[in-house]
Amino acid sequence: MEDIKNIQTDTLIDMLAKFTADYSTMLKEGYMDDELTNCQLTIDSLQSEITARKNIEATISKYKFVSSVTK
């Protein structure tokens, strides 16, 4: 997979939805192999990156608000 840090957030969210649907299908069909594990690891990575970006955006927004109030 392309370096996750270089992918736009919208695309990461779409990928998360796809991998989550694939994972659910694999569970229903009884998969218990490396493919299921790899899918779960990808989901974890996508969630972590999306959360990190959300936290960064929240911090930036908070800083901008504080800066505008103190001017």
N, C-alpha and C. Protein backbone atom coordinates (compact mmCIF):
# COMPACT_ATOMS: atom_id res chain seq x y z
N MET A 1 0.85 -1.18 0.00
CA MET A 1 0.00 0.00 0.00
C MET A 1 0.89 1.24 0.00
N GLU A 2 0.43 2.26 -0.68
CA GLU A 2 1.11 3.56 -0.70
C GLU A 2 1.30 4.04 0.74
N ASP A 3 2.36 4.84 0.97
CA ASP A 3 2.58 5.36 2.31
C ASP A 3 1.32 6.10 2.77
N ILE A 4 0.78 5.66 3.87
CA ILE A 4 -0.50 6.16 4.37
C ILE A 4 -0.47 7.66 4.67
N LYS A 5 0.68 8.18 4.99
CA LYS A 5 0.81 9.61 5.31
C LYS A 5 0.63 10.50 4.07
N ASN A 6 0.77 9.92 2.87
CA ASN A 6 0.65 10.69 1.63
C ASN A 6 -0.74 10.62 1.01
N ILE A 7 -1.66 9.95 1.67
CA ILE A 7 -3.01 9.76 1.13
C ILE A 7 -3.94 10.79 1.77
N GLN A 8 -4.81 11.38 0.94
CA GLN A 8 -5.75 12.38 1.45
C GLN A 8 -6.72 11.74 2.44
N THR A 9 -7.18 12.52 3.40
CA THR A 9 -8.06 12.02 4.46
C THR A 9 -9.35 11.43 3.89
N ASP A 10 -9.95 12.07 2.88
CA ASP A 10 -11.19 11.53 2.29
C ASP A 10 -10.95 10.12 1.77
N THR A 11 -9.81 9.93 1.13
CA THR A 11 -9.48 8.62 0.58
C THR A 11 -9.25 7.60 1.69
N LEU A 12 -8.61 8.03 2.78
CA LEU A 12 -8.41 7.14 3.93
C LEU A 12 -9.75 6.67 4.49
N ILE A 13 -10.70 7.57 4.58
CA ILE A 13 -12.02 7.22 5.11
C ILE A 13 -12.72 6.23 4.17
N ASP A 14 -12.61 6.46 2.87
CA ASP A 14 -13.19 5.52 1.90
C ASP A 14 -12.53 4.15 2.02
N MET A 15 -11.21 4.15 2.17
CA MET A 15 -10.48 2.89 2.32
C MET A 15 -10.91 2.16 3.60
N LEU A 16 -11.08 2.92 4.68
CA LEU A 16 -11.52 2.33 5.94
C LEU A 16 -12.88 1.66 5.78
N ALA A 17 -13.79 2.32 5.08
CA ALA A 17 -15.11 1.75 4.85
C ALA A 17 -15.00 0.45 4.04
N LYS A 18 -14.18 0.45 3.01
CA LYS A 18 -14.02 -0.74 2.17
C LYS A 18 -13.41 -1.89 2.96
N PHE A 19 -12.32 -1.63 3.67
CA PHE A 19 -11.66 -2.68 4.43
C PHE A 19 -12.56 -3.21 5.55
N THR A 20 -13.36 -2.34 6.16
CA THR A 20 -14.29 -2.77 7.20
C THR A 20 -15.37 -3.69 6.62
N ALA A 21 -15.89 -3.33 5.45
CA ALA A 21 -16.88 -4.19 4.78
C ALA A 21 -16.26 -5.53 4.40
N ASP A 22 -15.04 -5.48 3.86
CA ASP A 22 -14.34 -6.73 3.50
C ASP A 22 -14.11 -7.60 4.73
N TYR A 23 -13.71 -6.97 5.82
CA TYR A 23 -13.45 -7.70 7.07
C TYR A 23 -14.73 -8.38 7.57
N SER A 24 -15.83 -7.64 7.54
CA SER A 24 -17.11 -8.21 7.98
C SER A 24 -17.50 -9.41 7.12
N THR A 25 -17.30 -9.29 5.82
CA THR A 25 -17.60 -10.39 4.91
C THR A 25 -16.72 -11.60 5.22
N MET A 26 -15.44 -11.35 5.45
CA MET A 26 -14.53 -12.45 5.77
C MET A 26 -14.93 -13.15 7.06
N LEU A 27 -15.35 -12.38 8.05
CA LEU A 27 -15.78 -12.99 9.31
C LEU A 27 -17.03 -13.86 9.10
N LYS A 28 -17.99 -13.34 8.33
CA LYS A 28 -19.21 -14.10 8.07
C LYS A 28 -18.92 -15.39 7.32
N GLU A 29 -17.91 -15.34 6.45
CA GLU A 29 -17.57 -16.52 5.64
C GLU A 29 -16.60 -17.46 6.35
N GLY A 30 -16.20 -17.10 7.56
CA GLY A 30 -15.37 -17.99 8.36
C GLY A 30 -13.88 -17.94 8.08
N TYR A 31 -13.41 -16.87 7.46
CA TYR A 31 -11.97 -16.73 7.23
C TYR A 31 -11.24 -16.68 8.57
N MET A 32 -10.13 -17.35 8.66
CA MET A 32 -9.31 -17.30 9.87
C MET A 32 -7.84 -17.44 9.47
N ASP A 33 -7.41 -16.63 8.53
CA ASP A 33 -6.05 -16.76 8.03
C ASP A 33 -5.34 -15.42 7.98
N ASP A 34 -4.22 -15.41 7.28
CA ASP A 34 -3.41 -14.19 7.18
C ASP A 34 -4.17 -13.06 6.50
N GLU A 35 -5.05 -13.37 5.57
CA GLU A 35 -5.81 -12.33 4.88
C GLU A 35 -6.69 -11.55 5.87
N LEU A 36 -7.31 -12.26 6.79
CA LEU A 36 -8.14 -11.61 7.81
C LEU A 36 -7.27 -10.76 8.74
N THR A 37 -6.13 -11.31 9.14
CA THR A 37 -5.20 -10.57 10.00
C THR A 37 -4.68 -9.32 9.31
N ASN A 38 -4.31 -9.44 8.04
CA ASN A 38 -3.81 -8.29 7.28
C ASN A 38 -4.88 -7.22 7.14
N CYS A 39 -6.11 -7.65 6.93
CA CYS A 39 -7.23 -6.70 6.82
C CYS A 39 -7.39 -5.95 8.15
N GLN A 40 -7.35 -6.66 9.26
CA GLN A 40 -7.48 -6.03 10.58
C GLN A 40 -6.33 -5.05 10.84
N LEU A 41 -5.13 -5.42 10.47
CA LEU A 41 -3.98 -4.53 10.64
C LEU A 41 -4.12 -3.27 9.79
N THR A 42 -4.65 -3.42 8.59
CA THR A 42 -4.87 -2.26 7.73
C THR A 42 -5.93 -1.35 8.34
N ILE A 43 -7.00 -1.92 8.84
CA ILE A 43 -8.06 -1.14 9.50
C ILE A 43 -7.47 -0.38 10.69
N ASP A 44 -6.66 -1.04 11.49
CA ASP A 44 -6.03 -0.39 12.65
C ASP A 44 -5.16 0.78 12.21
N SER A 45 -4.37 0.58 11.15
CA SER A 45 -3.49 1.64 10.64
C SER A 45 -4.29 2.83 10.13
N LEU A 46 -5.35 2.54 9.38
CA LEU A 46 -6.20 3.61 8.85
C LEU A 46 -6.85 4.39 9.98
N GLN A 47 -7.38 3.68 10.98
CA GLN A 47 -8.01 4.36 12.12
C GLN A 47 -7.01 5.23 12.87
N SER A 48 -5.82 4.73 13.05
CA SER A 48 -4.79 5.50 13.77
C SER A 48 -4.43 6.77 13.02
N GLU A 49 -4.25 6.66 11.71
CA GLU A 49 -3.88 7.83 10.91
C GLU A 49 -5.01 8.85 10.89
N ILE A 50 -6.24 8.40 10.72
CA ILE A 50 -7.39 9.32 10.70
C ILE A 50 -7.52 10.02 12.05
N THR A 51 -7.38 9.28 13.14
CA THR A 51 -7.45 9.87 14.48
C THR A 51 -6.34 10.88 14.71
N ALA A 52 -5.14 10.54 14.29
CA ALA A 52 -4.00 11.47 14.45
C ALA A 52 -4.26 12.77 13.70
N ARG A 53 -4.76 12.65 12.48
CA ARG A 53 -5.06 13.87 11.71
C ARG A 53 -6.17 14.68 12.36
N LYS A 54 -7.17 14.01 12.88
CA LYS A 54 -8.27 14.70 13.56
C LYS A 54 -7.74 15.46 14.78
N ASN A 55 -6.85 14.83 15.54
CA ASN A 55 -6.28 15.48 16.71
C ASN A 55 -5.41 16.67 16.33
N ILE A 56 -4.66 16.55 15.26
CA ILE A 56 -3.83 17.66 14.78
C ILE A 56 -4.71 18.83 14.36
N GLU A 57 -5.78 18.53 13.61
CA GLU A 57 -6.69 19.58 13.17
C GLU A 57 -7.36 20.28 14.36
N ALA A 58 -7.73 19.50 15.38
CA ALA A 58 -8.35 20.08 16.58
C ALA A 58 -7.36 21.00 17.30
N THR A 59 -6.11 20.58 17.38
CA THR A 59 -5.08 21.39 18.04
C THR A 59 -4.85 22.68 17.27
N ILE A 60 -4.78 22.59 15.96
CA ILE A 60 -4.57 23.78 15.13
C ILE A 60 -5.75 24.74 15.28
N SER A 61 -6.96 24.21 15.25
CA SER A 61 -8.16 25.04 15.41
C SER A 61 -8.17 25.74 16.77
N LYS A 62 -7.81 25.00 17.79
CA LYS A 62 -7.77 25.57 19.14
C LYS A 62 -6.73 26.68 19.21
N TYR A 63 -5.56 26.46 18.61
CA TYR A 63 -4.50 27.47 18.60
C TYR A 63 -4.95 28.72 17.85
N LYS A 64 -5.60 28.52 16.70
CA LYS A 64 -6.08 29.67 15.91
C LYS A 64 -7.10 30.46 16.71
N PHE A 65 -7.99 29.76 17.44
CA PHE A 65 -9.00 30.44 18.24
C PHE A 65 -8.35 31.25 19.36
N VAL A 66 -7.42 30.64 20.07
CA VAL A 66 -6.74 31.33 21.16
C VAL A 66 -5.96 32.52 20.62
N SER A 67 -5.32 32.36 19.48
CA SER A 67 -4.56 33.47 18.89
C SER A 67 -5.47 34.62 18.50
N SER A 68 -6.65 34.31 17.97
CA SER A 68 -7.55 35.37 17.55
C SER A 68 -8.16 36.10 18.76
N VAL A 69 -8.32 35.41 19.86
CA VAL A 69 -8.89 36.02 21.07
C VAL A 69 -7.87 36.91 21.75
N THR A 70 -6.60 36.54 21.71
CA THR A 70 -5.58 37.29 22.42
C THR A 70 -5.02 38.47 21.62
N LYS A 71 -5.46 38.66 20.39
CA LYS A 71 -4.96 39.79 19.58
C LYS A 71 -5.63 41.07 19.93
